[in-house]
């Protein structure tokens, strides 16, 4: 699931980067590149963490998922604050294209993850070994 969502977000990011470069020049392309890597990094970390916990301790998966989501929101805010304070958003990176890449990447990531999850054959529960099929 992680790989298909990441590849989908990277493809969407590449499209936004190309459109940004053609429409508004290098700062737009650089902003879209940074936005794409922010999405893949933040959501990749979250999905990897939740999948790891779900395999090791399934009972804690929902709690970790909620905490990871909160951490992702905080991490996005910290990254945007750091970019703003560094002055990169004023000179080297186009703020609108960075935000557009983040929004586009997030939507594509979520859609890819939903589609992959719905196509996966994940049993809701396991029958005990001694219970036979009736």
Protein backbone atom coordinates (compact mmCIF):
# COMPACT_ATOMS: atom_id res chain seq x y z
CA UNK A 1 0.00 0.00 0.00
CA UNK A 2 2.80 2.37 0.88
CA UNK A 3 4.58 1.86 -2.42
CA UNK A 4 1.53 2.40 -4.63
CA UNK A 5 0.53 5.55 -2.75
CA UNK A 6 4.08 6.92 -2.86
CA UNK A 7 4.48 6.21 -6.58
CA UNK A 8 1.09 7.80 -7.31
CA UNK A 9 2.01 10.92 -5.33
CA UNK A 10 5.39 11.13 -7.08
CA UNK A 11 3.77 10.86 -10.52
CA UNK A 12 1.25 13.57 -9.61
CA UNK A 13 4.12 15.66 -8.24
CA UNK A 14 6.07 15.24 -11.48
CA UNK A 15 3.07 16.53 -13.41
CA UNK A 16 2.72 19.54 -11.09
CA UNK A 17 6.47 20.20 -11.37
CA UNK A 18 6.33 20.13 -15.18
CA UNK A 19 3.28 22.38 -15.33
CA UNK A 20 4.86 24.76 -12.83
CA UNK A 21 8.09 24.94 -14.78
CA UNK A 22 6.27 25.67 -18.03
CA UNK A 23 3.74 28.11 -16.57
CA UNK A 24 5.79 30.06 -14.05
CA UNK A 25 9.45 29.16 -14.34
CA UNK A 26 12.10 27.71 -12.04
CA UNK A 27 10.82 28.97 -8.65
CA UNK A 28 7.45 27.29 -9.34
CA UNK A 29 9.16 24.03 -10.27
CA UNK A 30 11.38 24.16 -7.18
CA UNK A 31 8.35 24.87 -4.99
CA UNK A 32 6.50 21.92 -6.50
CA UNK A 33 9.53 19.68 -5.98
CA UNK A 34 9.74 20.62 -2.30
CA UNK A 35 5.96 20.20 -1.90
CA UNK A 36 6.05 16.75 -3.48
CA UNK A 37 8.88 15.58 -1.24
CA UNK A 38 7.10 16.97 1.83
CA UNK A 39 4.01 14.91 1.01
CA UNK A 40 5.90 11.71 0.26
CA UNK A 41 8.12 12.10 3.33
CA UNK A 42 5.40 12.96 5.84
CA UNK A 43 2.76 10.52 4.58
CA UNK A 44 5.34 7.82 3.96
CA UNK A 45 6.56 8.08 7.54
CA UNK A 46 2.99 7.90 8.84
CA UNK A 47 1.93 4.94 6.71
CA UNK A 48 5.14 3.03 7.47
CA UNK A 49 4.73 3.61 11.21
CA UNK A 50 1.08 2.55 11.31
CA UNK A 51 1.75 -0.57 9.19
CA UNK A 52 4.65 -1.56 11.42
CA UNK A 53 2.61 -1.18 14.60
CA UNK A 54 -0.36 -3.01 13.06
CA UNK A 55 1.87 -6.01 12.35
CA UNK A 56 3.56 -6.04 15.76
CA UNK A 57 0.70 -4.98 18.05
CA UNK A 58 -2.65 -4.87 16.19
CA UNK A 59 -4.58 -3.71 19.26
CA UNK A 60 -2.61 -0.45 19.34
CA UNK A 61 -2.93 0.30 15.62
CA UNK A 62 -5.86 2.73 15.94
CA UNK A 63 -4.19 4.68 18.74
CA UNK A 64 -0.93 4.91 16.80
CA UNK A 65 -2.84 5.92 13.66
CA UNK A 66 -4.50 8.82 15.49
CA UNK A 67 -1.22 9.91 17.10
CA UNK A 68 0.59 9.62 13.77
CA UNK A 69 -2.07 11.75 12.06
CA UNK A 70 -1.64 14.43 14.73
CA UNK A 71 2.13 14.25 14.34
CA UNK A 72 1.78 14.60 10.56
CA UNK A 73 -0.28 17.78 10.92
CA UNK A 74 2.24 19.22 13.40
CA UNK A 75 5.17 18.20 11.18
CA UNK A 76 3.60 19.90 8.15
CA UNK A 77 3.11 23.08 10.18
CA UNK A 78 6.71 22.97 11.41
CA UNK A 79 8.05 22.47 7.87
CA UNK A 80 6.00 25.38 6.53
CA UNK A 81 7.06 27.57 9.45
CA UNK A 82 10.71 26.69 8.88
CA UNK A 83 10.42 27.44 5.16
CA UNK A 84 8.73 30.76 5.87
CA UNK A 85 11.31 31.82 8.46
CA UNK A 86 14.21 30.78 6.24
CA UNK A 87 13.09 33.16 3.52
CA UNK A 88 13.07 30.45 0.85
CA UNK A 89 9.38 31.01 0.13
CA UNK A 90 10.10 34.59 -0.78
CA UNK A 91 13.01 33.98 -3.16
CA UNK A 92 13.81 30.48 -4.37
CA UNK A 93 10.45 28.71 -3.96
CA UNK A 94 7.04 29.75 -5.23
CA UNK A 95 4.62 29.56 -2.30
CA UNK A 96 1.53 28.83 -4.43
CA UNK A 97 3.13 26.00 -6.39
CA UNK A 98 4.50 24.45 -3.21
CA UNK A 99 1.02 24.54 -1.67
CA UNK A 100 -0.52 23.23 -4.89
CA UNK A 101 1.90 20.31 -4.94
CA UNK A 102 1.14 19.52 -1.29
CA UNK A 103 -2.62 19.62 -1.88
CA UNK A 104 -2.43 17.60 -5.11
CA UNK A 105 -0.04 15.07 -3.59
CA UNK A 106 -2.21 14.66 -0.52
CA UNK A 107 -5.37 14.05 -2.54
CA UNK A 108 -3.62 11.59 -4.87
CA UNK A 109 -1.97 9.80 -1.91
CA UNK A 110 -5.31 9.37 -0.14
CA UNK A 111 -7.12 8.16 -3.26
CA UNK A 112 -4.34 5.67 -4.07
CA UNK A 113 -4.31 4.40 -0.49
CA UNK A 114 -8.10 3.97 -0.46
CA UNK A 115 -8.10 2.13 -3.79
CA UNK A 116 -5.22 -0.14 -2.73
CA UNK A 117 -6.85 -0.89 0.61
CA UNK A 118 -10.20 -1.70 -0.97
CA UNK A 119 -8.57 -4.08 -3.45
CA UNK A 120 -6.51 -5.85 -0.77
CA UNK A 121 -7.79 -9.09 0.65
CA UNK A 122 -7.41 -8.42 4.36
CA UNK A 123 -9.49 -10.71 6.60
CA UNK A 124 -11.47 -8.95 9.30
CA UNK A 125 -10.77 -11.75 11.75
CA UNK A 126 -9.05 -15.13 11.95
CA UNK A 127 -10.87 -18.28 12.99
CA UNK A 128 -9.23 -20.30 15.75
CA UNK A 129 -7.48 -23.42 14.42
CA UNK A 130 -9.84 -25.84 16.23
CA UNK A 131 -12.99 -24.26 14.80
CA UNK A 132 -14.11 -25.99 11.65
CA UNK A 133 -16.00 -24.55 8.75
CA UNK A 134 -19.70 -25.39 9.00
